[in-house]
Protein backbone atom coordinates (compact mmCIF):
# COMPACT_ATOMS: atom_id res chain seq x y z
CA MET A 1 99.25 69.89 32.39
CA THR A 2 100.47 73.19 33.82
CA PRO A 3 98.51 76.20 32.59
CA ALA A 4 100.46 78.84 30.74
CA PRO A 5 101.15 82.01 32.72
CA PHE A 6 98.88 84.97 32.11
CA ALA A 7 100.14 87.72 29.89
CA CYS A 8 100.78 91.10 31.47
CA PRO A 9 97.37 92.69 32.23
CA PRO A 10 96.27 95.61 30.08
CA GLY A 11 97.03 99.09 31.35
CA LEU A 12 94.50 101.77 32.22
CA THR A 13 95.27 105.38 31.28
CA PRO A 14 93.05 108.19 32.61
CA MET A 15 91.05 109.72 29.74
CA ALA A 16 88.38 111.97 31.24
CA HIS A 17 85.87 112.70 33.97
CA LEU A 18 82.25 112.81 32.81
CA ARG A 19 79.33 114.44 34.63
CA CYS A 20 75.83 113.91 33.23
CA GLU A 21 72.51 115.30 34.42
CA VAL A 22 69.84 112.59 34.38
CA GLY A 23 66.06 112.74 34.11
CA ALA A 24 63.45 110.74 35.94
CA LEU A 25 63.49 106.96 35.69
CA ALA A 26 60.75 105.55 33.43
CA SER A 27 59.74 101.91 33.82
CA LEU A 28 58.26 99.76 31.06
CA GLY A 29 57.18 97.31 33.76
CA ALA A 30 58.02 93.75 34.64
CA ALA A 31 59.19 91.76 31.64
CA PRO A 32 59.94 88.03 31.60
CA ALA A 33 63.59 88.56 32.60
CA GLY A 34 63.13 91.53 34.94
CA GLU A 35 62.07 95.18 34.93
CA ARG A 36 62.88 97.10 31.73
CA ARG A 37 63.40 100.84 32.18
CA PHE A 38 65.23 103.90 30.89
CA VAL A 39 66.65 107.21 32.09
CA PRO A 40 66.90 110.26 29.78
CA LEU A 41 70.38 111.80 29.73
CA GLY A 42 70.72 115.58 29.75
CA ALA A 43 73.50 118.12 29.73
CA GLY A 44 76.93 117.45 31.10
CA GLU A 45 80.65 118.02 30.86
CA VAL A 46 83.61 115.90 29.88
CA SER A 47 87.06 117.00 31.04
CA GLY A 48 90.39 115.26 31.06
CA PRO A 49 93.79 114.75 29.58
CA GLU A 50 92.50 112.88 26.50
CA LEU A 51 88.97 114.19 25.91
CA SER A 52 87.08 117.36 26.83
CA GLY A 53 83.73 118.76 25.74
CA THR A 54 80.05 118.71 26.57
CA LEU A 55 77.29 116.12 26.37
CA VAL A 56 74.62 116.59 23.72
CA GLU A 57 71.22 116.33 25.41
CA GLY A 58 69.03 113.46 24.25
CA GLY A 59 71.00 110.36 25.17
CA ILE A 60 69.29 107.39 26.82
CA ASP A 61 70.42 104.99 29.50
CA TRP A 62 68.48 101.75 28.94
CA GLN A 63 68.39 99.55 32.01
CA TRP A 64 67.32 96.05 32.90
CA MET A 65 66.79 95.36 36.61
CA ARG A 66 67.37 91.64 36.79
CA SER A 67 65.64 89.39 39.28
CA ASP A 68 68.97 88.88 41.09
CA GLY A 69 69.19 92.63 41.86
CA VAL A 70 71.88 93.39 39.28
CA LEU A 71 71.22 96.41 37.06
CA GLU A 72 72.41 96.00 33.46
CA ILE A 73 73.18 99.34 31.82
CA ALA A 74 73.30 100.24 28.11
CA ALA A 75 73.83 104.00 27.72
CA HIS A 76 74.01 105.69 24.31
CA TYR A 77 74.89 109.37 23.98
CA VAL A 78 77.00 111.94 22.12
CA ILE A 79 79.94 114.09 23.22
CA ARG A 80 80.62 117.39 21.45
CA ALA A 81 84.39 117.79 21.80
CA ASP A 82 85.84 121.24 22.48
CA ASP A 83 86.70 121.53 18.77
CA GLY A 84 83.04 120.88 17.81
CA ALA A 85 83.53 117.26 16.68
CA LEU A 86 80.72 114.84 17.54
CA ILE A 87 81.63 111.52 19.17
CA GLU A 88 79.11 108.72 19.67
CA VAL A 89 79.46 106.83 22.96
CA ARG A 90 78.10 103.35 23.73
CA SER A 91 78.56 102.26 27.33
CA GLU A 92 77.46 98.87 28.67
CA GLY A 93 77.97 97.49 32.13
CA LEU A 94 76.67 96.56 35.56
CA ARG A 95 75.69 98.22 38.82
CA HIS A 96 75.08 96.16 41.95
CA GLY A 97 75.73 96.06 45.66
CA PRO A 98 74.19 95.11 48.98
CA ALA A 99 70.39 95.43 48.99
CA GLU A 100 70.35 98.30 51.50
CA VAL A 101 72.93 100.28 49.48
CA MET A 102 70.93 99.82 46.28
CA ALA A 103 67.77 100.94 48.12
CA TRP A 104 69.56 104.10 49.29
CA LEU A 105 70.66 104.82 45.71
CA ALA A 106 67.11 104.26 44.43
CA ALA A 107 65.87 106.76 47.04
CA GLY A 108 68.34 109.37 45.75
CA GLU A 109 70.60 109.26 48.79
CA ALA A 110 74.32 109.96 48.51
CA VAL A 111 76.30 106.72 48.68
CA PRO A 112 80.11 106.56 48.39
CA ARG A 113 81.12 104.89 45.12
CA GLN A 114 83.26 102.33 46.95
CA ASP A 115 80.09 100.90 48.58
CA TYR A 116 78.79 99.40 45.31
CA PHE A 117 80.01 98.13 41.94
CA PHE A 118 79.40 100.40 38.92
CA ARG A 119 81.52 99.63 35.84
CA THR A 120 80.93 99.95 32.12
CA LEU A 121 82.86 99.14 28.97
CA VAL A 122 82.87 102.17 26.67
CA ARG A 123 83.23 102.30 22.85
CA PHE A 124 83.40 105.38 20.63
CA THR A 125 82.50 106.16 17.02
CA THR A 126 83.27 109.36 15.10
CA GLY A 127 83.95 110.59 11.59
CA ALA A 128 86.06 113.51 12.83
CA PRO A 129 89.65 113.03 11.58
CA ALA A 130 91.17 114.56 14.73
CA TRP A 131 89.37 111.97 16.85
CA ALA A 132 89.65 108.90 14.54
CA HIS A 133 91.85 107.15 17.12
CA LEU A 134 88.75 106.79 19.33
CA ASN A 135 87.26 104.40 16.75
CA ARG A 136 89.99 101.96 17.87
CA THR A 137 89.70 102.71 21.59
CA MET A 138 88.00 100.82 24.37
CA ALA A 139 87.63 102.40 27.79
CA LEU A 140 86.63 101.22 31.23
CA ALA A 141 84.44 103.55 33.27
CA THR A 142 84.00 103.54 37.01
CA GLY A 143 80.78 105.22 38.04
CA GLU A 144 78.93 106.95 40.81
CA ARG A 145 75.15 107.48 40.80
CA ARG A 146 73.77 110.57 42.46
CA ALA A 147 70.13 111.63 42.74
CA ARG A 148 70.15 113.64 39.48
CA GLN A 149 73.64 112.94 38.11
CA VAL A 150 75.94 110.20 36.96
CA LEU A 151 79.68 110.66 37.38
CA LEU A 152 82.08 108.52 35.37
CA ASP A 153 85.86 108.28 35.32
CA LEU A 154 86.98 106.93 31.93
CA TYR A 155 90.23 104.99 31.53
CA ARG A 156 91.60 104.02 28.12
CA ILE A 157 92.48 100.32 28.00
CA SER A 158 95.92 99.74 26.47
């Protein structure tokens, strides 16, 4: 039996750049499946062709450092759009790379984003009528971790 051809892959449309200040990593310790930890999310900016605004301080990036060295990410935060509307963001994904690269990142060293994998799937929720289309939007983010910042490029999946 010959498999059916794949459909045309979904498109990616640039939405926004996001810069977020991050607090100190807090570890809950070794759990049965790996180390559970979190990073407080602070101020930041969002700018782009489809979304611009600021980050509301108080978000959290929950992390699970698995025994295989892969970091699972589950960030939850709020964007205040330029018009004042509040938009909830849920972002889940993975960060991993060669052991030495991940050690450099953990030490706060600058590492080019192409040297490791950092991707999240992003979902939005809002009650603001002007932004209701985001309730039906999924985005892919490519990330870069700096010592005290996270940089994300968001692409709407079509």
